[in-house]
Amino acid sequence: MRRRIPSIEALVAFEAAARHLSFTRAADALSLTQSAVCKQIASLEDYLGVPLFNRIRKRISLTEAGSIYAKRVAEDLDRLERHTVSLMSHRGERNVLELAVIPTFGSRWLIPRLAQFHAANPGITVNLTTRSDPFVFTETPFDAAIHFGSSTWPGAISHPLFGEEMVPVCSPALLREHPCSEPRELARLPLLHQVNRHAAWQRWFEAAGVKDADAMSGPRFDLFSMLVEAACAGLGVALVPRFLALSELESGQLIIPFDLPLRSEMAYHLVYPDPPSTNPALRRFTDWLLAEAAAYRGAPSRPVQDSVNAPESRLR
């Protein structure tokens, strides 16, 4: 049965015109004539039976349907291009791992260790893409993901890596300027928040025995790496996972005013689809990552017979 899909040329022309909101600039971007772009878009609108652009004198704008379609077509073309480049660059060999990873975990914990993996597996390429929220594997190009939360990920196999303890950090200069002799006094300083951990400071103060602290005020940042940089810059006191600020703590850029860790009930996990891919790169990466996580926890690295086929938990 023939697929009901317009020509790739028409879709490419439409995506360029939608992005530039100009047939002329789209033609320049594609090294085509303006008439060729207009012809492709006209044929696409005829095929769909839906107008995609409003044409008012010499200006164009997307219709409501055109705006929705443009976003989806752009995503599909990006995905097709990514798959094509990956296949061409690796000549079809199954030595590429597409990994979704939490941004700061990837930059602060995983990437500094990847050289060891590449040294032991020189033929494997690991591509990293930042993702913070769970997703459906069948709708993405990812072979696996590292996420923070519970072990529940529908349709996936989950391996716990390690837990998390959050500690307050600030610049030494800030603490010299505003000395604090007990946890309660930290509430007098600007408290820096991570947007997805809005209650973290409140929980920390309660665990420290402070019941009436104003823990909700203060600026919010999207990433923990931003929190670390903000704390280094003296903008306030940040509550961050200890391992994400180790470099700054060791260098003296940051200090822990009160080493009272807030331990989370959630953890970092490696997840991949169930049933797992037969990609050998996934199997090697899983074995390596579990060993690295065990070493980080200080736990003995137990033999893993086949980590891809013998997971810690299966969740459907």
C-alpha atoms as a PDB file:
ATOM      1  CA  MET A   1       0.000   0.000   0.000  1.00  0.00           C
ATOM      2  CA  ARG A   2       1.397   3.358  -0.988  1.00  0.00           C
ATOM      3  CA  ARG A   3       2.093   5.751   1.881  1.00  0.00           C
ATOM      4  CA  ARG A   4       0.162   8.999   1.940  1.00  0.00           C
ATOM      5  CA  ILE A   5       3.220  11.216   2.270  1.00  0.00           C
ATOM      6  CA  PRO A   6       4.010  14.311   0.172  1.00  0.00           C
ATOM      7  CA  SER A   7       7.310  14.528  -1.672  1.00  0.00           C
ATOM      8  CA  ILE A   8      10.389  15.264   0.431  1.00  0.00           C
ATOM      9  CA  GLU A   9      11.157  18.221  -1.835  1.00  0.00           C
ATOM     10  CA  ALA A  10       7.799  19.813  -1.044  1.00  0.00           C
ATOM     11  CA  LEU A  11       8.219  19.256   2.689  1.00  0.00           C
ATOM     12  CA  VAL A  12      11.724  20.734   2.693  1.00  0.00           C
ATOM     13  CA  ALA A  13      10.517  23.795   0.775  1.00  0.00           C
ATOM     14  CA  PHE A  14       7.574  24.236   3.139  1.00  0.00           C
ATOM     15  CA  GLU A  15       9.743  23.921   6.270  1.00  0.00           C
ATOM     16  CA  ALA A  16      12.192  26.534   4.966  1.00  0.00           C
ATOM     17  CA  ALA A  17       9.408  28.948   3.990  1.00  0.00           C
ATOM     18  CA  ALA A  18       7.694  28.478   7.364  1.00  0.00           C
ATOM     19  CA  ARG A  19      10.956  29.071   9.220  1.00  0.00           C
ATOM     20  CA  HIS A  20      11.839  32.231   7.285  1.00  0.00           C
ATOM     21  CA  LEU A  21       8.248  33.398   6.632  1.00  0.00           C
ATOM     22  CA  SER A  22       9.508  34.297   3.198  1.00  0.00           C
ATOM     23  CA  PHE A  23       9.500  32.399  -0.091  1.00  0.00           C
ATOM     24  CA  THR A  24      12.501  34.449  -1.248  1.00  0.00           C
ATOM     25  CA  ARG A  25      14.653  33.681   1.802  1.00  0.00           C
ATOM     26  CA  ALA A  26      13.595  30.035   1.675  1.00  0.00           C
ATOM     27  CA  ALA A  27      14.719  29.891  -1.943  1.00  0.00           C
ATOM     28  CA  ASP A  28      18.097  31.420  -1.012  1.00  0.00           C
ATOM     29  CA  ALA A  29      18.545  28.926   1.829  1.00  0.00           C
ATOM     30  CA  LEU A  30      17.790  25.978  -0.463  1.00  0.00           C
ATOM     31  CA  SER A  31      19.706  27.343  -3.490  1.00  0.00           C
ATOM     32  CA  LEU A  32      16.503  27.300  -5.538  1.00  0.00           C
ATOM     33  CA  THR A  33      14.540  29.921  -7.415  1.00  0.00           C
ATOM     34  CA  GLN A  34      11.597  31.581  -5.738  1.00  0.00           C
ATOM     35  CA  SER A  35       9.245  30.178  -8.366  1.00  0.00           C
ATOM     36  CA  ALA A  36      10.489  26.656  -7.632  1.00  0.00           C
ATOM     37  CA  VAL A  37       9.740  27.081  -3.915  1.00  0.00           C
ATOM     38  CA  CYS A  38       6.299  28.553  -4.648  1.00  0.00           C
ATOM     39  CA  LYS A  39       5.552  25.640  -6.991  1.00  0.00           C
ATOM     40  CA  GLN A  40       6.532  23.059  -4.341  1.00  0.00           C
ATOM     41  CA  ILE A  41       4.386  24.726  -1.679  1.00  0.00           C
ATOM     42  CA  ALA A  42       1.434  25.063  -4.032  1.00  0.00           C
ATOM     43  CA  SER A  43       1.675  21.362  -4.863  1.00  0.00           C
ATOM     44  CA  LEU A  44       1.842  20.530  -1.136  1.00  0.00           C
ATOM     45  CA  GLU A  45      -1.260  22.618  -0.368  1.00  0.00           C
ATOM     46  CA  ASP A  46      -3.040  20.981  -3.274  1.00  0.00           C
ATOM     47  CA  TYR A  47      -2.045  17.525  -2.012  1.00  0.00           C
ATOM     48  CA  LEU A  48      -3.219  18.297   1.532  1.00  0.00           C
ATOM     49  CA  GLY A  49      -6.309  20.198   0.502  1.00  0.00           C
ATOM     50  CA  VAL A  50      -5.499  22.753   3.197  1.00  0.00           C
ATOM     51  CA  PRO A  51      -3.985  26.259   2.838  1.00  0.00           C
ATOM     52  CA  LEU A  52      -0.731  26.529   4.787  1.00  0.00           C
ATOM     53  CA  PHE A  53       0.019  30.215   4.243  1.00  0.00           C
ATOM     54  CA  ASN A  54      -1.929  33.430   4.278  1.00  0.00           C
ATOM     55  CA  ARG A  55      -0.789  35.528   1.322  1.00  0.00           C
ATOM     56  CA  ILE A  56      -1.374  39.241   1.848  1.00  0.00           C
ATOM     57  CA  ARG A  57       0.211  41.357  -0.871  1.00  0.00           C
ATOM     58  CA  LYS A  58       3.930  40.555  -0.717  1.00  0.00           C
ATOM     59  CA  ARG A  59       3.863  39.169   2.835  1.00  0.00           C
ATOM     60  CA  ILE A  60       3.061  35.681   4.031  1.00  0.00           C
ATOM     61  CA  SER A  61       2.070  34.210   7.383  1.00  0.00           C
ATOM     62  CA  LEU A  62       1.221  30.706   8.483  1.00  0.00           C
ATOM     63  CA  THR A  63      -2.366  29.637   8.849  1.00  0.00           C
ATOM     64  CA  GLU A  64      -3.300  27.837  12.069  1.00  0.00           C
ATOM     65  CA  ALA A  65      -3.036  24.494  10.277  1.00  0.00           C
ATOM     66  CA  GLY A  66       0.216  25.593   8.657  1.00  0.00           C
ATOM     67  CA  SER A  67       1.732  26.530  12.013  1.00  0.00           C
ATOM     68  CA  ILE A  68       0.918  23.124  13.532  1.00  0.00           C
ATOM     69  CA  TYR A  69       2.106  21.256  10.437  1.00  0.00           C
ATOM     70  CA  ALA A  70       5.322  23.294  10.217  1.00  0.00           C
ATOM     71  CA  LYS A  71       6.368  22.334  13.735  1.00  0.00           C
ATOM     72  CA  ARG A  72       5.747  18.641  13.116  1.00  0.00           C
ATOM     73  CA  VAL A  73       7.417  18.621   9.718  1.00  0.00           C
ATOM     74  CA  ALA A  74      10.497  20.375  11.144  1.00  0.00           C
ATOM     75  CA  GLU A  75      10.760  17.758  13.903  1.00  0.00           C
ATOM     76  CA  ASP A  76      10.384  14.904  11.420  1.00  0.00           C
ATOM     77  CA  LEU A  77      12.956  16.356   9.018  1.00  0.00           C
ATOM     78  CA  ASP A  78      15.417  16.887  11.881  1.00  0.00           C
ATOM     79  CA  ARG A  79      14.894  13.283  12.970  1.00  0.00           C
ATOM     80  CA  LEU A  80      15.351  11.976   9.414  1.00  0.00           C
ATOM     81  CA  GLU A  81      18.507  14.034   8.965  1.00  0.00           C
ATOM     82  CA  ARG A  82      19.905  12.796  12.291  1.00  0.00           C
ATOM     83  CA  HIS A  83      19.289   9.165  11.361  1.00  0.00           C
ATOM     84  CA  THR A  84      20.806   9.681   7.922  1.00  0.00           C
ATOM     85  CA  VAL A  85      23.959  11.378   9.210  1.00  0.00           C
ATOM     86  CA  SER A  86      24.391   8.704  11.879  1.00  0.00           C
ATOM     87  CA  LEU A  87      24.108   5.888   9.338  1.00  0.00           C
ATOM     88  CA  MET A  88      26.504   7.581   6.904  1.00  0.00           C
ATOM     89  CA  SER A  89      29.107   8.469   9.530  1.00  0.00           C
ATOM     90  CA  HIS A  90      29.226   4.964  10.988  1.00  0.00           C
ATOM     91  CA  ARG A  91      28.686   3.025   7.754  1.00  0.00           C
ATOM     92  CA  GLY A  92      25.752   1.151   9.193  1.00  0.00           C
ATOM     93  CA  GLU A  93      27.751  -0.496  11.974  1.00  0.00           C
ATOM     94  CA  ARG A  94      25.951  -0.950  15.314  1.00  0.00           C
ATOM     95  CA  ASN A  95      28.528   0.852  17.385  1.00  0.00           C
ATOM     96  CA  VAL A  96      26.594   4.007  18.226  1.00  0.00           C
ATOM     97  CA  LEU A  97      24.663   4.616  21.441  1.00  0.00           C
ATOM     98  CA  GLU A  98      22.058   7.374  21.595  1.00  0.00           C
ATOM     99  CA  LEU A  99      21.753   8.402  25.247  1.00  0.00           C
ATOM    100  CA  ALA A 100      19.337  10.884  26.822  1.00  0.00           C
ATOM    101  CA  VAL A 101      20.770  12.390  29.994  1.00  0.00           C
ATOM    102  CA  ILE A 102      19.924  14.963  32.644  1.00  0.00           C
ATOM    103  CA  PRO A 103      21.931  18.112  31.748  1.00  0.00           C
ATOM    104  CA  THR A 104      24.020  18.705  34.877  1.00  0.00           C
ATOM    105  CA  PHE A 105      24.481  14.991  35.589  1.00  0.00           C
ATOM    106  CA  GLY A 106      25.810  14.612  32.057  1.00  0.00           C
ATOM    107  CA  SER A 107      28.234  17.524  32.228  1.00  0.00           C
ATOM    108  CA  ARG A 108      29.389  17.095  35.829  1.00  0.00           C
ATOM    109  CA  TRP A 109      29.431  13.340  36.426  1.00  0.00           C
ATOM    110  CA  LEU A 110      29.181  11.361  33.187  1.00  0.00           C
ATOM    111  CA  ILE A 111      31.306  13.286  30.676  1.00  0.00           C
ATOM    112  CA  PRO A 112      34.409  13.463  32.925  1.00  0.00           C
ATOM    113  CA  ARG A 113      34.317   9.642  33.082  1.00  0.00           C
ATOM    114  CA  LEU A 114      33.570   8.926  29.417  1.00  0.00           C
ATOM    115  CA  ALA A 115      37.245   8.935  28.413  1.00  0.00           C
ATOM    116  CA  GLN A 116      37.659   5.729  30.421  1.00  0.00           C
ATOM    117  CA  PHE A 117      34.776   4.108  28.545  1.00  0.00           C
ATOM    118  CA  HIS A 118      36.173   5.171  25.165  1.00  0.00           C
ATOM    119  CA  ALA A 119      39.621   3.877  26.099  1.00  0.00           C
ATOM    120  CA  ALA A 120      38.151   0.454  26.837  1.00  0.00           C
ATOM    121  CA  ASN A 121      35.722   0.571  23.886  1.00  0.00           C
ATOM    122  CA  PRO A 122      37.423   2.563  21.109  1.00  0.00           C
ATOM    123  CA  GLY A 123      34.943   1.482  18.450  1.00  0.00           C
ATOM    124  CA  ILE A 124      31.830   2.781  20.231  1.00  0.00           C
ATOM    125  CA  THR A 125      30.436   6.294  19.905  1.00  0.00           C
ATOM    126  CA  VAL A 126      28.169   7.666  22.643  1.00  0.00           C
ATOM    127  CA  ASN A 127      25.938  10.544  21.564  1.00  0.00           C
ATOM    128  CA  LEU A 128      24.468  12.598  24.417  1.00  0.00           C
ATOM    129  CA  THR A 129      21.240  14.590  24.261  1.00  0.00           C
ATOM    130  CA  THR A 130      19.804  16.419  27.266  1.00  0.00           C
ATOM    131  CA  ARG A 131      16.360  15.362  28.437  1.00  0.00           C
ATOM    132  CA  SER A 132      14.933  16.106  31.875  1.00  0.00           C
ATOM    133  CA  ASP A 133      11.495  14.481  31.657  1.00  0.00           C
ATOM    134  CA  PRO A 134      10.496  10.866  30.965  1.00  0.00           C
ATOM    135  CA  PHE A 135       9.455  10.011  27.417  1.00  0.00           C
ATOM    136  CA  VAL A 136       8.294   7.071  25.340  1.00  0.00           C
ATOM    137  CA  PHE A 137      11.287   5.326  23.800  1.00  0.00           C
ATOM    138  CA  THR A 138       9.381   4.287  20.689  1.00  0.00           C
ATOM    139  CA  GLU A 139       8.837   7.954  19.843  1.00  0.00           C
ATOM    140  CA  THR A 140      12.529   8.924  20.095  1.00  0.00           C
ATOM    141  CA  PRO A 141      15.867   7.794  18.646  1.00  0.00           C
ATOM    142  CA  PHE A 142      17.277   7.000  22.115  1.00  0.00           C
ATOM    143  CA  ASP A 143      18.682   3.613  23.082  1.00  0.00           C
ATOM    144  CA  ALA A 144      18.771   4.482  26.797  1.00  0.00           C
ATOM    145  CA  ALA A 145      18.375   7.327  29.261  1.00  0.00           C
ATOM    146  CA  ILE A 146      19.701   8.444  32.629  1.00  0.00           C
ATOM    147  CA  HIS A 147      17.068  10.082  34.782  1.00  0.00           C
ATOM    148  CA  PHE A 148      16.454  11.134  38.363  1.00  0.00           C
ATOM    149  CA  GLY A 149      13.318   9.977  40.121  1.00  0.00           C
ATOM    150  CA  SER A 150      11.643   6.714  40.951  1.00  0.00           C
ATOM    151  CA  SER A 151      12.473   3.479  39.161  1.00  0.00           C
ATOM    152  CA  THR A 152       9.094   3.577  37.416  1.00  0.00           C
ATOM    153  CA  TRP A 153       9.374   4.175  33.670  1.00  0.00           C
ATOM    154  CA  PRO A 154       6.590   2.464  31.688  1.00  0.00           C
ATOM    155  CA  GLY A 155       7.808  -0.025  29.123  1.00  0.00           C
ATOM    156  CA  ALA A 156      11.396   0.189  30.338  1.00  0.00           C
ATOM    157  CA  ILE A 157      14.014  -1.715  32.304  1.00  0.00           C
ATOM    158  CA  SER A 158      15.611   0.259  35.138  1.00  0.00           C
ATOM    159  CA  HIS A 159      18.990  -0.032  36.872  1.00  0.00           C
ATOM    160  CA  PRO A 160      19.526   2.166  39.962  1.00  0.00           C
ATOM    161  CA  LEU A 161      22.863   3.992  39.887  1.00  0.00           C
ATOM    162  CA  PHE A 162      23.070   5.913  43.178  1.00  0.00           C
ATOM    163  CA  GLY A 163      21.066   8.158  45.445  1.00  0.00           C
ATOM    164  CA  GLU A 164      21.400  11.853  46.099  1.00  0.00           C
ATOM    165  CA  GLU A 165      22.169  14.054  49.064  1.00  0.00           C
ATOM    166  CA  MET A 166      21.789  17.807  48.807  1.00  0.00           C
ATOM    167  CA  VAL A 167      23.926  20.244  50.780  1.00  0.00           C
ATOM    168  CA  PRO A 168      23.951  24.054  51.080  1.00  0.00           C
ATOM    169  CA  VAL A 169      26.897  25.709  49.323  1.00  0.00           C
ATOM    170  CA  CYS A 170      28.012  29.320  49.040  1.00  0.00           C
ATOM    171  CA  SER A 171      31.102  31.373  48.332  1.00  0.00           C
ATOM    172  CA  PRO A 172      33.506  31.953  51.244  1.00  0.00           C
ATOM    173  CA  ALA A 173      33.210  35.698  50.651  1.00  0.00           C
ATOM    174  CA  LEU A 174      29.452  35.613  51.165  1.00  0.00           C
ATOM    175  CA  LEU A 175      29.827  33.813  54.469  1.00  0.00           C
ATOM    176  CA  ARG A 176      32.555  36.211  55.632  1.00  0.00           C
ATOM    177  CA  GLU A 177      30.264  39.131  54.885  1.00  0.00           C
ATOM    178  CA  HIS A 178      27.264  37.447  56.514  1.00  0.00           C
ATOM    179  CA  PRO A 179      28.537  35.052  59.211  1.00  0.00           C
ATOM    180  CA  CYS A 180      26.108  32.306  60.233  1.00  0.00           C
ATOM    181  CA  SER A 181      26.520  30.376  63.456  1.00  0.00           C
ATOM    182  CA  GLU A 182      23.449  28.146  63.091  1.00  0.00           C
ATOM    183  CA  PRO A 183      21.285  26.824  60.218  1.00  0.00           C
ATOM    184  CA  ARG A 184      18.421  29.211  61.012  1.00  0.00           C
ATOM    185  CA  GLU A 185      20.591  32.183  60.032  1.00  0.00           C
ATOM    186  CA  LEU A 186      20.969  30.946  56.438  1.00  0.00           C
ATOM    187  CA  ALA A 187      17.385  32.092  55.849  1.00  0.00           C
ATOM    188  CA  ARG A 188      18.634  35.686  56.131  1.00  0.00           C
ATOM    189  CA  LEU A 189      20.725  35.175  52.989  1.00  0.00           C
ATOM    190  CA  PRO A 190      19.394  34.899  49.428  1.00  0.00           C
ATOM    191  CA  LEU A 191      18.331  31.290  48.878  1.00  0.00           C
ATOM    192  CA  LEU A 192      18.918  29.957  45.370  1.00  0.00           C
ATOM    193  CA  HIS A 193      16.408  27.381  44.101  1.00  0.00           C
ATOM    194  CA  GLN A 194      16.263  24.795  41.332  1.00  0.00           C
ATOM    195  CA  VAL A 195      12.916  25.148  39.574  1.00  0.00           C
ATOM    196  CA  ASN A 196      11.951  21.479  39.888  1.00  0.00           C
ATOM    197  CA  ARG A 197      12.924  21.253  43.580  1.00  0.00           C
ATOM    198  CA  HIS A 198      10.733  24.071  44.869  1.00  0.00           C
ATOM    199  CA  ALA A 199      10.293  22.518  48.336  1.00  0.00           C
ATOM    200  CA  ALA A 200      13.927  21.440  48.813  1.00  0.00           C
ATOM    201  CA  TRP A 201      14.969  24.366  51.022  1.00  0.00           C
ATOM    202  CA  GLN A 202      11.875  23.996  53.182  1.00  0.00           C
ATOM    203  CA  ARG A 203      12.649  20.319  53.702  1.00  0.00           C
ATOM    204  CA  TRP A 204      16.302  21.100  54.480  1.00  0.00           C
ATOM    205  CA  PHE A 205      15.398  23.653  57.154  1.00  0.00           C
ATOM    206  CA  GLU A 206      12.875  21.269  58.708  1.00  0.00           C
ATOM    207  CA  ALA A 207      15.462  18.475  58.777  1.00  0.00           C
ATOM    208  CA  ALA A 208      17.878  20.931  60.446  1.00  0.00           C
ATOM    209  CA  GLY A 209      15.305  21.620  63.156  1.00  0.00           C
ATOM    210  CA  VAL A 210      14.194  25.022  61.832  1.00  0.00           C
ATOM    211  CA  LYS A 211      10.401  25.081  61.558  1.00  0.00           C
ATOM    212  CA  ASP A 212       9.567  28.687  60.699  1.00  0.00           C
ATOM    213  CA  ALA A 213      12.134  29.707  58.089  1.00  0.00           C
ATOM    214  CA  ASP A 214      11.073  31.688  55.018  1.00  0.00           C
ATOM    215  CA  ALA A 215      12.425  29.137  52.561  1.00  0.00           C
ATOM    216  CA  MET A 216      10.416  29.967  49.436  1.00  0.00           C
ATOM    217  CA  SER A 217      11.858  33.364  48.502  1.00  0.00           C
ATOM    218  CA  GLY A 218      14.885  33.804  46.266  1.00  0.00           C
ATOM    219  CA  PRO A 219      15.730  33.406  42.579  1.00  0.00           C
ATOM    220  CA  ARG A 220      15.098  30.179  40.692  1.00  0.00           C
ATOM    221  CA  PHE A 221      17.341  28.518  38.111  1.00  0.00           C
ATOM    222  CA  ASP A 222      16.586  25.882  35.507  1.00  0.00           C
ATOM    223  CA  LEU A 223      19.752  23.793  35.940  1.00  0.00           C
ATOM    224  CA  PHE A 224      21.875  22.774  38.918  1.00  0.00           C
ATOM    225  CA  SER A 225      24.936  23.918  36.965  1.00  0.00           C
ATOM    226  CA  MET A 226      23.424  27.412  36.980  1.00  0.00           C
ATOM    227  CA  LEU A 227      22.915  27.159  40.736  1.00  0.00           C
ATOM    228  CA  VAL A 228      26.556  26.225  41.244  1.00  0.00           C
ATOM    229  CA  GLU A 229      27.737  29.155  39.123  1.00  0.00           C
ATOM    230  CA  ALA A 230      25.359  31.531  40.903  1.00  0.00           C
ATOM    231  CA  ALA A 231      26.689  30.402  44.279  1.00  0.00           C
ATOM    232  CA  CYS A 232      30.285  30.864  43.091  1.00  0.00           C
ATOM    233  CA  ALA A 233      29.368  34.383  41.989  1.00  0.00           C
ATOM    234  CA  GLY A 234      28.142  35.199  45.501  1.00  0.00           C
ATOM    235  CA  LEU A 235      24.476  35.526  44.559  1.00  0.00           C
ATOM    236  CA  GLY A 236      23.351  33.479  47.528  1.00  0.00           C
ATOM    237  CA  VAL A 237      23.285  30.017  49.076  1.00  0.00           C
ATOM    238  CA  ALA A 238      22.401  27.101  46.794  1.00  0.00           C
ATOM    239  CA  LEU A 239      21.071  23.704  47.774  1.00  0.00           C
ATOM    240  CA  VAL A 240      22.622  21.239  45.345  1.00  0.00           C
ATOM    241  CA  PRO A 241      23.547  17.554  45.105  1.00  0.00           C
ATOM    242  CA  ARG A 242      26.979  17.260  46.678  1.00  0.00           C
ATOM    243  CA  PHE A 243      28.544  15.407  43.748  1.00  0.00           C
ATOM    244  CA  LEU A 244      27.595  18.185  41.318  1.00  0.00           C
ATOM    245  CA  ALA A 245      29.708  20.732  43.225  1.00  0.00           C
ATOM    246  CA  LEU A 246      32.724  18.583  44.128  1.00  0.00           C
ATOM    247  CA  SER A 247      35.128  20.455  41.855  1.00  0.00           C
ATOM    248  CA  GLU A 248      34.207  23.843  43.323  1.00  0.00           C
ATOM    249  CA  LEU A 249      34.282  22.479  46.872  1.00  0.00           C
ATOM    250  CA  GLU A 250      37.732  20.967  46.367  1.00  0.00           C
ATOM    251  CA  SER A 251      39.081  24.186  44.830  1.00  0.00           C
ATOM    252  CA  GLY A 252      37.670  26.350  47.622  1.00  0.00           C
ATOM    253  CA  GLN A 253      35.362  28.333  45.346  1.00  0.00           C
ATOM    254  CA  LEU A 254      32.474  27.017  47.406  1.00  0.00           C
ATOM    255  CA  ILE A 255      32.102  25.917  50.999  1.00  0.00           C
ATOM    256  CA  ILE A 256      29.418  24.047  52.909  1.00  0.00           C
ATOM    257  CA  PRO A 257      28.320  26.288  55.802  1.00  0.00           C
ATOM    258  CA  PHE A 258      26.462  23.452  57.554  1.00  0.00           C
ATOM    259  CA  ASP A 259      27.125  19.880  56.460  1.00  0.00           C
ATOM    260  CA  LEU A 260      23.610  18.617  57.080  1.00  0.00           C
ATOM    261  CA  PRO A 261      22.746  16.623  53.954  1.00  0.00           C
ATOM    262  CA  LEU A 262      19.169  16.276  52.756  1.00  0.00           C
ATOM    263  CA  ARG A 263      18.868  12.738  51.437  1.00  0.00           C
ATOM    264  CA  SER A 264      16.349  12.093  48.705  1.00  0.00           C
ATOM    265  CA  GLU A 265      14.069   9.073  48.493  1.00  0.00           C
ATOM    266  CA  MET A 266      14.635   9.096  44.729  1.00  0.00           C
ATOM    267  CA  ALA A 267      17.758   8.143  42.805  1.00  0.00           C
ATOM    268  CA  TYR A 268      19.548   8.256  39.464  1.00  0.00           C
ATOM    269  CA  HIS A 269      18.688   5.399  37.122  1.00  0.00           C
ATOM    270  CA  LEU A 270      19.794   3.995  33.791  1.00  0.00           C
ATOM    271  CA  VAL A 271      16.735   2.951  31.790  1.00  0.00           C
ATOM    272  CA  TYR A 272      16.254   1.372  28.380  1.00  0.00           C
ATOM    273  CA  PRO A 273      13.334  -0.192  26.480  1.00  0.00           C
ATOM    274  CA  ASP A 274      11.894  -3.543  27.435  1.00  0.00           C
ATOM    275  CA  PRO A 275      12.672  -5.704  25.534  1.00  0.00           C
ATOM    276  CA  PRO A 276      16.136  -4.145  25.230  1.00  0.00           C
ATOM    277  CA  SER A 277      17.949  -3.487  21.999  1.00  0.00           C
ATOM    278  CA  THR A 278      20.433  -6.078  20.778  1.00  0.00           C
ATOM    279  CA  ASN A 279      22.871  -3.243  20.125  1.00  0.00           C
ATOM    280  CA  PRO A 280      26.204  -4.412  21.627  1.00  0.00           C
ATOM    281  CA  ALA A 281      27.088  -0.782  22.438  1.00  0.00           C
ATOM    282  CA  LEU A 282      24.191  -0.683  24.917  1.00  0.00           C
ATOM    283  CA  ARG A 283      25.368  -3.838  26.646  1.00  0.00           C
ATOM    284  CA  ARG A 284      28.948  -2.597  27.027  1.00  0.00           C
ATOM    285  CA  PHE A 285      27.877   0.841  28.196  1.00  0.00           C
ATOM    286  CA  THR A 286      25.472  -0.634  30.754  1.00  0.00           C
ATOM    287  CA  ASP A 287      28.151  -2.889  32.245  1.00  0.00           C
ATOM    288  CA  TRP A 288      30.629  -0.001  32.406  1.00  0.00           C
ATOM    289  CA  LEU A 289      28.143   2.483  33.886  1.00  0.00           C
ATOM    290  CA  LEU A 290      26.967   0.112  36.602  1.00  0.00           C
ATOM    291  CA  ALA A 291      30.586  -0.536  37.593  1.00  0.00           C
ATOM    292  CA  GLU A 292      31.328   3.208  37.683  1.00  0.00           C
ATOM    293  CA  ALA A 293      28.245   3.851  39.792  1.00  0.00           C
ATOM    294  CA  ALA A 294      29.237   1.091  42.226  1.00  0.00           C
ATOM    295  CA  ALA A 295      32.733   2.569  42.508  1.00  0.00           C
ATOM    296  CA  TYR A 296      31.266   6.017  43.157  1.00  0.00           C
ATOM    297  CA  ARG A 297      29.025   4.625  45.899  1.00  0.00           C
ATOM    298  CA  GLY A 298      32.013   2.852  47.390  1.00  0.00           C
ATOM    299  CA  ALA A 299      30.259  -0.460  46.938  1.00  0.00           C
ATOM    300  CA  PRO A 300      32.023  -3.572  45.632  1.00  0.00           C
ATOM    301  CA  SER A 301      31.417  -4.040  41.930  1.00  0.00           C
ATOM    302  CA  ARG A 302      29.460  -7.259  41.625  1.00  0.00           C
ATOM    303  CA  PRO A 303      29.856  -9.406  38.503  1.00  0.00           C
ATOM    304  CA  VAL A 304      27.202  -8.634  35.921  1.00  0.00           C
ATOM    305  CA  GLN A 305      26.431 -11.698  33.848  1.00  0.00           C
ATOM    306  CA  ASP A 306      24.412  -9.836  31.253  1.00  0.00           C
ATOM    307  CA  SER A 307      23.208  -6.517  32.552  1.00  0.00           C
ATOM    308  CA  VAL A 308      21.013  -5.875  29.546  1.00  0.00           C
ATOM    309  CA  ASN A 309      19.149  -9.125  29.986  1.00  0.00           C
ATOM    310  CA  ALA A 310      19.305  -9.347  33.792  1.00  0.00           C
ATOM    311  CA  PRO A 311      18.116  -5.938  35.013  1.00  0.00           C
ATOM    312  CA  GLU A 312      17.417  -4.725  38.511  1.00  0.00           C
ATOM    313  CA  SER A 313      13.764  -4.076  37.713  1.00  0.00           C
ATOM    314  CA  ARG A 314      11.356  -4.457  34.830  1.00  0.00           C
ATOM    315  CA  LEU A 315       8.483  -2.028  34.672  1.00  0.00           C
ATOM    316  CA  ARG A 316       5.749  -2.313  32.121  1.00  0.00           C
END
